[in-house]
Amino acid sequence: MNMSQMNCNEVTDSSKLNLAERLRRPGSVTTIELRPPEKDIIESSDTNRLATINYSMQDLVLNDFFVFLTDQAVGLSEEESLSYLEANMGSEIPISRFVPFLTCKHTLEYCLNFADRAHSLGCKSIVVVGGDKSVGLPRCVPHSYFLREQIRKRQPEISLGGWINPHKDLLKQIDYLTSGDFLADFYLTQIVSHHSVDLVAEFLEECDKRNVKIPGLFGVFYYWNAKPVTLKRLDDFLPVPIDELTREFDAGDTPEAVVVRTIRALKGVGAKNIYLSNLGYKRVHDRLKKILEQSSVI
């Protein structure tokens, strides 16, 4: 079984579709979130490590997976996603399957030029989010929808993604989605798990009641272990069920087993589309194959 057989996305003429169009087709969609390489890898002579990252990126998109690339303005000092793609992906690589994140934590000029560059490079979708207000540079606009509005006027052919958090006030989150100001063609959620699946179920039920048409992807995190220091550090950035994960790993569960449990729980309440985060780069396709087979996504 090869990777393209694993993904239940419709592959016919898939390179012509943006992510929003793919999400509206029948079946489920599984995407991957990765960080561009750190700047010191790009600038060093560590060609083997860079080659591993490049191969993983290429392998995923050639097998019809969309890949989200994070924004270097938040977190580690990674290479800018567009610069990385332009320098490391050849003409045979479908750039349309890469979906860069863009936070508002840049100058407005940079953000608008980013959208222009993304379109010119061949990206068909961008996720536009606000960015953590508590760290780093200030936002160039108060809320991400202001930036999406300007990008939509400037690059109307690009599909735009927004951000929703099922862990926060449910009705307020749905209000965002139903507002004409949200201006997104699809949305991503904060990381969820089988330990918070009730929140996802309530969220989806309310979406049905409010006739929300925007398709979404639910975030699933790959926890490599349950080391207390690691989980507590992660909990500063995303909701981590520390006690529950500790019990699962102590009972002998593998990282794949924990992820599979989350995917099955999400599917059980109707969350058919997911993005997988923190899979790493080495042997990423092997981990992905195991997860998708065991979670019956295929």
Protein backbone atom coordinates (compact mmCIF):
# COMPACT_ATOMS: atom_id res chain seq x y z
CA MET A 1 0.00 0.00 0.00
CA ASN A 2 1.47 3.35 -0.97
CA MET A 3 0.80 6.73 0.53
CA SER A 4 -1.56 7.89 -2.19
CA GLN A 5 -3.76 4.84 -1.55
CA MET A 6 -3.89 5.69 2.15
CA ASN A 7 -5.33 9.15 1.77
CA CYS A 8 -9.03 9.04 0.97
CA ASN A 9 -8.90 12.46 -0.66
CA GLU A 10 -10.14 12.55 -4.24
CA VAL A 11 -6.95 12.67 -6.32
CA THR A 12 -8.28 13.28 -9.82
CA ASP A 13 -7.06 16.70 -10.95
CA SER A 14 -6.24 17.33 -7.29
CA SER A 15 -3.41 19.73 -8.06
CA LYS A 16 -6.00 22.08 -9.56
CA LEU A 17 -7.95 22.30 -6.29
CA ASN A 18 -7.28 24.63 -3.42
CA LEU A 19 -7.78 23.31 0.09
CA ALA A 20 -11.27 24.77 0.51
CA GLU A 21 -12.40 23.04 -2.70
CA ARG A 22 -10.92 19.75 -1.54
CA LEU A 23 -12.67 20.02 1.83
CA ARG A 24 -16.02 20.46 0.12
CA ARG A 25 -15.66 17.20 -1.78
CA PRO A 26 -17.03 13.93 -0.34
CA GLY A 27 -14.83 11.98 2.05
CA SER A 28 -12.37 12.99 4.72
CA VAL A 29 -9.20 15.03 4.38
CA THR A 30 -6.03 14.44 6.38
CA THR A 31 -3.38 17.16 6.33
CA ILE A 32 -0.03 17.60 8.03
CA GLU A 33 1.38 20.63 9.85
CA LEU A 34 5.17 21.05 9.70
CA ARG A 35 7.68 23.73 10.54
CA PRO A 36 10.05 24.98 7.87
CA PRO A 37 13.68 24.20 8.76
CA GLU A 38 15.38 26.30 11.39
CA LYS A 39 17.55 29.04 9.99
CA ASP A 40 20.75 27.52 11.36
CA ILE A 41 20.09 24.34 9.35
CA ILE A 42 19.67 26.34 6.16
CA GLU A 43 22.83 28.33 6.85
CA SER A 44 24.97 25.40 8.08
CA SER A 45 26.64 22.57 6.23
CA ASP A 46 24.20 20.02 7.68
CA THR A 47 23.06 18.90 4.25
CA ASN A 48 21.84 15.52 5.47
CA ARG A 49 19.34 17.05 7.88
CA LEU A 50 18.10 19.51 5.28
CA ALA A 51 17.79 16.68 2.75
CA THR A 52 15.67 14.71 5.25
CA ILE A 53 13.32 17.66 5.70
CA ASN A 54 13.11 18.27 1.95
CA TYR A 55 12.37 14.61 1.24
CA SER A 56 9.61 14.47 3.84
CA MET A 57 7.95 17.59 2.43
CA GLN A 58 8.17 16.32 -1.13
CA ASP A 59 7.00 12.81 -0.26
CA LEU A 60 3.87 14.10 1.44
CA VAL A 61 2.69 16.46 -1.30
CA LEU A 62 3.54 14.00 -4.08
CA ASN A 63 1.22 11.57 -2.34
CA ASP A 64 -1.62 14.09 -2.37
CA PHE A 65 -1.42 15.42 1.18
CA PHE A 66 -1.77 19.11 1.89
CA VAL A 67 1.01 20.39 4.15
CA PHE A 68 0.60 23.40 6.42
CA LEU A 69 3.79 25.38 7.01
CA THR A 70 4.01 27.47 10.16
CA ASP A 71 4.93 31.14 10.34
CA GLN A 72 8.47 31.95 11.46
CA ALA A 73 7.26 34.95 13.48
CA VAL A 74 6.04 32.64 16.26
CA GLY A 75 8.03 30.05 18.18
CA LEU A 76 11.42 28.84 17.00
CA SER A 77 13.37 30.88 14.48
CA GLU A 78 12.59 28.82 11.42
CA GLU A 79 13.12 29.73 7.80
CA GLU A 80 10.32 31.70 6.17
CA SER A 81 8.02 29.20 4.48
CA LEU A 82 7.93 30.86 1.04
CA SER A 83 11.69 31.34 0.89
CA TYR A 84 12.14 27.71 1.87
CA LEU A 85 9.73 26.44 -0.79
CA GLU A 86 11.24 28.57 -3.53
CA ALA A 87 14.79 27.40 -2.73
CA ASN A 88 14.14 23.71 -2.06
CA MET A 89 11.14 22.46 -4.06
CA GLY A 90 11.73 21.70 -7.73
CA SER A 91 9.38 22.29 -10.63
CA GLU A 92 7.96 18.76 -10.32
CA ILE A 93 6.67 19.45 -6.80
CA PRO A 94 3.02 20.66 -6.60
CA ILE A 95 3.42 23.86 -4.61
CA SER A 96 -0.38 24.15 -4.60
CA ARG A 97 -0.48 21.51 -1.85
CA PHE A 98 1.57 23.64 0.53
CA VAL A 99 -0.55 25.93 2.71
CA PRO A 100 1.54 28.56 4.54
CA PHE A 101 0.45 30.10 7.80
CA LEU A 102 0.58 33.88 7.97
CA THR A 103 0.21 35.63 11.31
CA CYS A 104 -0.50 39.30 11.79
CA LYS A 105 2.80 39.63 13.69
CA HIS A 106 4.60 41.26 10.78
CA THR A 107 4.27 44.63 9.14
CA LEU A 108 1.18 45.07 6.99
CA GLU A 109 3.40 45.58 3.96
CA TYR A 110 5.13 42.25 4.60
CA CYS A 111 1.79 40.44 5.02
CA LEU A 112 0.33 41.77 1.78
CA ASN A 113 3.55 41.06 -0.11
CA PHE A 114 3.53 37.55 1.39
CA ALA A 115 0.15 36.91 -0.21
CA ASP A 116 1.42 38.22 -3.54
CA ARG A 117 4.51 36.04 -3.35
CA ALA A 118 2.50 32.97 -2.32
CA HIS A 119 0.21 33.39 -5.31
CA SER A 120 3.14 33.90 -7.66
CA LEU A 121 4.89 30.80 -6.29
CA GLY A 122 1.81 28.63 -6.84
CA CYS A 123 0.22 28.42 -3.40
CA LYS A 124 -3.57 28.30 -3.68
CA SER A 125 -4.42 28.59 0.02
CA ILE A 126 -3.12 30.51 3.05
CA VAL A 127 -4.12 30.28 6.71
CA VAL A 128 -4.31 33.79 8.17
CA VAL A 129 -4.32 33.94 11.98
CA GLY A 130 -3.74 36.64 14.58
CA GLY A 131 -0.77 35.22 16.46
CA ASP A 132 -0.14 35.09 20.20
CA LYS A 133 -0.46 38.60 21.64
CA SER A 134 1.55 37.73 24.76
CA VAL A 135 4.88 37.12 23.02
CA GLY A 136 6.91 38.55 20.17
CA LEU A 137 6.06 41.39 17.87
CA PRO A 138 2.72 43.24 17.99
CA ARG A 139 0.04 42.49 15.40
CA CYS A 140 -0.22 44.81 12.42
CA VAL A 141 -4.03 44.66 12.71
CA PRO A 142 -6.17 43.94 15.80
CA HIS A 143 -7.78 40.78 14.39
CA SER A 144 -6.91 38.39 11.57
CA TYR A 145 -10.12 39.04 9.64
CA PHE A 146 -8.91 42.59 8.91
CA LEU A 147 -5.89 41.07 7.18
CA ARG A 148 -7.97 38.44 5.37
CA GLU A 149 -10.18 41.25 4.05
CA GLN A 150 -7.21 43.05 2.52
CA ILE A 151 -5.66 39.89 1.12
CA ARG A 152 -8.97 38.84 -0.44
CA LYS A 153 -9.20 42.15 -2.29
CA ARG A 154 -5.59 41.83 -3.42
CA GLN A 155 -5.48 38.09 -4.26
CA PRO A 156 -9.08 36.90 -4.73
CA GLU A 157 -7.99 33.56 -6.21
CA ILE A 158 -6.34 32.39 -2.98
CA SER A 159 -8.54 30.50 -0.52
CA LEU A 160 -8.12 31.78 3.02
CA GLY A 161 -8.23 29.89 6.29
CA GLY A 162 -9.17 31.16 9.74
CA TRP A 163 -8.82 29.93 13.32
CA ILE A 164 -11.39 28.64 15.81
CA ASN A 165 -10.91 27.32 19.35
CA PRO A 166 -13.52 24.78 20.59
CA HIS A 167 -12.02 25.09 24.09
CA LYS A 168 -13.29 28.67 24.36
CA ASP A 169 -16.81 30.07 24.57
CA LEU A 170 -18.75 27.91 22.12
CA LEU A 171 -21.40 30.41 21.10
CA LYS A 172 -18.82 33.13 20.56
CA GLN A 173 -16.75 30.83 18.34
CA ILE A 174 -19.81 30.02 16.24
CA ASP A 175 -20.61 33.71 16.05
CA TYR A 176 -17.19 34.21 14.44
CA LEU A 177 -17.93 31.55 11.83
CA THR A 178 -21.36 32.92 10.96
CA SER A 179 -20.25 36.52 10.83
CA GLY A 180 -19.87 38.05 7.42
CA ASP A 181 -16.63 39.56 8.68
CA PHE A 182 -14.88 36.20 9.23
CA LEU A 183 -13.95 36.11 5.53
CA ALA A 184 -12.48 32.60 5.54
CA ASP A 185 -13.12 29.73 3.14
CA PHE A 186 -12.16 27.11 5.74
CA TYR A 187 -11.03 27.02 9.35
CA LEU A 188 -8.57 25.17 11.55
CA THR A 189 -9.19 24.48 15.21
CA GLN A 190 -6.94 24.54 18.22
CA ILE A 191 -5.53 21.11 19.14
CA VAL A 192 -8.20 18.75 20.49
CA SER A 193 -8.08 15.17 21.74
CA HIS A 194 -10.28 12.24 22.73
CA HIS A 195 -10.22 13.78 26.21
CA SER A 196 -11.99 16.89 24.87
CA VAL A 197 -14.19 15.19 22.28
CA ASP A 198 -17.36 16.30 24.11
CA LEU A 199 -16.42 19.90 23.34
CA VAL A 200 -15.98 19.00 19.67
CA ALA A 201 -19.36 17.25 19.62
CA GLU A 202 -21.06 20.32 21.13
CA PHE A 203 -19.25 22.57 18.68
CA LEU A 204 -20.36 20.52 15.67
CA GLU A 205 -23.93 20.26 16.93
CA GLU A 206 -24.09 24.04 17.26
CA CYS A 207 -22.58 24.42 13.77
CA ASP A 208 -25.41 22.26 12.42
CA LYS A 209 -28.02 24.31 14.28
CA ARG A 210 -26.56 27.55 12.96
CA ASN A 211 -26.17 26.14 9.43
CA VAL A 212 -22.42 26.79 9.29
CA LYS A 213 -21.21 25.96 5.78
CA ILE A 214 -17.49 26.69 6.17
CA PRO A 215 -15.52 23.39 6.25
CA GLY A 216 -13.02 22.86 9.04
CA LEU A 217 -10.06 20.74 10.11
CA PHE A 218 -9.50 19.67 13.70
CA GLY A 219 -6.01 19.72 15.15
CA VAL A 220 -4.48 16.48 16.50
CA PHE A 221 -1.11 16.57 18.25
CA TYR A 222 1.46 13.75 18.13
CA TYR A 223 2.83 13.45 21.67
CA TRP A 224 6.17 11.68 21.57
CA ASN A 225 6.12 10.94 25.29
CA ALA A 226 4.60 12.09 28.57
CA LYS A 227 7.65 13.69 30.13
CA PRO A 228 6.30 16.19 32.69
CA VAL A 229 8.65 18.99 31.62
CA THR A 230 7.64 18.59 27.97
CA LEU A 231 3.91 18.46 28.64
CA LYS A 232 4.00 21.47 30.96
CA ARG A 233 5.93 23.47 28.38
CA LEU A 234 3.44 22.52 25.67
CA ASP A 235 0.57 23.47 27.96
CA ASP A 236 1.69 27.09 27.67
CA PHE A 237 0.72 27.01 23.98
CA LEU A 238 -2.10 24.49 23.66
CA PRO A 239 -4.53 22.65 25.99
CA VAL A 240 -2.69 19.49 27.07
CA PRO A 241 -4.52 16.77 29.07
CA ILE A 242 -1.41 16.15 31.17
CA ASP A 243 -2.79 13.68 33.71
CA GLU A 244 -4.69 11.66 31.12
CA LEU A 245 -1.72 11.42 28.74
CA THR A 246 0.56 10.42 31.59
CA ARG A 247 -1.76 7.54 32.49
CA GLU A 248 -1.94 6.38 28.86
CA PHE A 249 1.81 6.36 28.35
CA ASP A 250 2.37 4.75 31.76
CA ALA A 251 -0.04 2.00 30.69
CA GLY A 252 2.17 1.27 27.68
CA ASP A 253 0.40 3.17 24.91
CA THR A 254 2.55 4.28 22.00
CA PRO A 255 2.37 7.80 20.52
CA GLU A 256 0.59 6.32 17.50
CA ALA A 257 -1.99 4.60 19.72
CA VAL A 258 -2.82 7.88 21.45
CA VAL A 259 -3.23 9.71 18.12
CA VAL A 260 -5.36 6.90 16.70
CA ARG A 261 -7.63 7.07 19.76
CA THR A 262 -8.14 10.78 19.15
CA ILE A 263 -8.87 10.38 15.44
CA ARG A 264 -11.39 7.63 16.06
CA ALA A 265 -13.11 9.72 18.74
CA LEU A 266 -13.28 12.73 16.43
CA LYS A 267 -14.69 10.66 13.60
CA GLY A 268 -17.24 9.27 16.04
CA VAL A 269 -18.72 12.73 16.61
CA GLY A 270 -18.54 13.78 12.96
CA ALA A 271 -15.20 15.60 12.76
CA LYS A 272 -14.04 14.01 9.51
CA ASN A 273 -11.17 16.37 8.60
CA ILE A 274 -7.99 16.67 10.65
CA TYR A 275 -4.53 18.12 10.58
CA LEU A 276 -1.73 16.25 12.32
CA SER A 277 0.87 18.29 14.16
CA ASN A 278 4.34 17.46 15.54
CA LEU A 279 5.00 14.32 13.48
CA GLY A 280 8.64 15.27 12.99
CA TYR A 281 10.57 14.68 9.77
CA LYS A 282 12.43 11.38 9.99
CA ARG A 283 10.28 8.43 8.86
CA VAL A 284 7.24 10.72 8.89
CA HIS A 285 5.57 8.70 6.11
CA ASP A 286 5.95 5.48 8.14
CA ARG A 287 4.31 7.05 11.20
CA LEU A 288 1.57 8.52 9.07
CA LYS A 289 0.89 5.20 7.35
CA LYS A 290 0.58 3.43 10.70
CA ILE A 291 -1.74 6.09 12.09
CA LEU A 292 -4.05 6.18 9.08
CA GLU A 293 -4.27 2.41 8.82
CA GLN A 294 -5.09 1.95 12.50
CA SER A 295 -7.57 4.82 12.64
CA SER A 296 -9.43 3.51 9.59
CA VAL A 297 -9.10 6.81 7.74
CA ILE A 298 -8.44 4.85 4.54
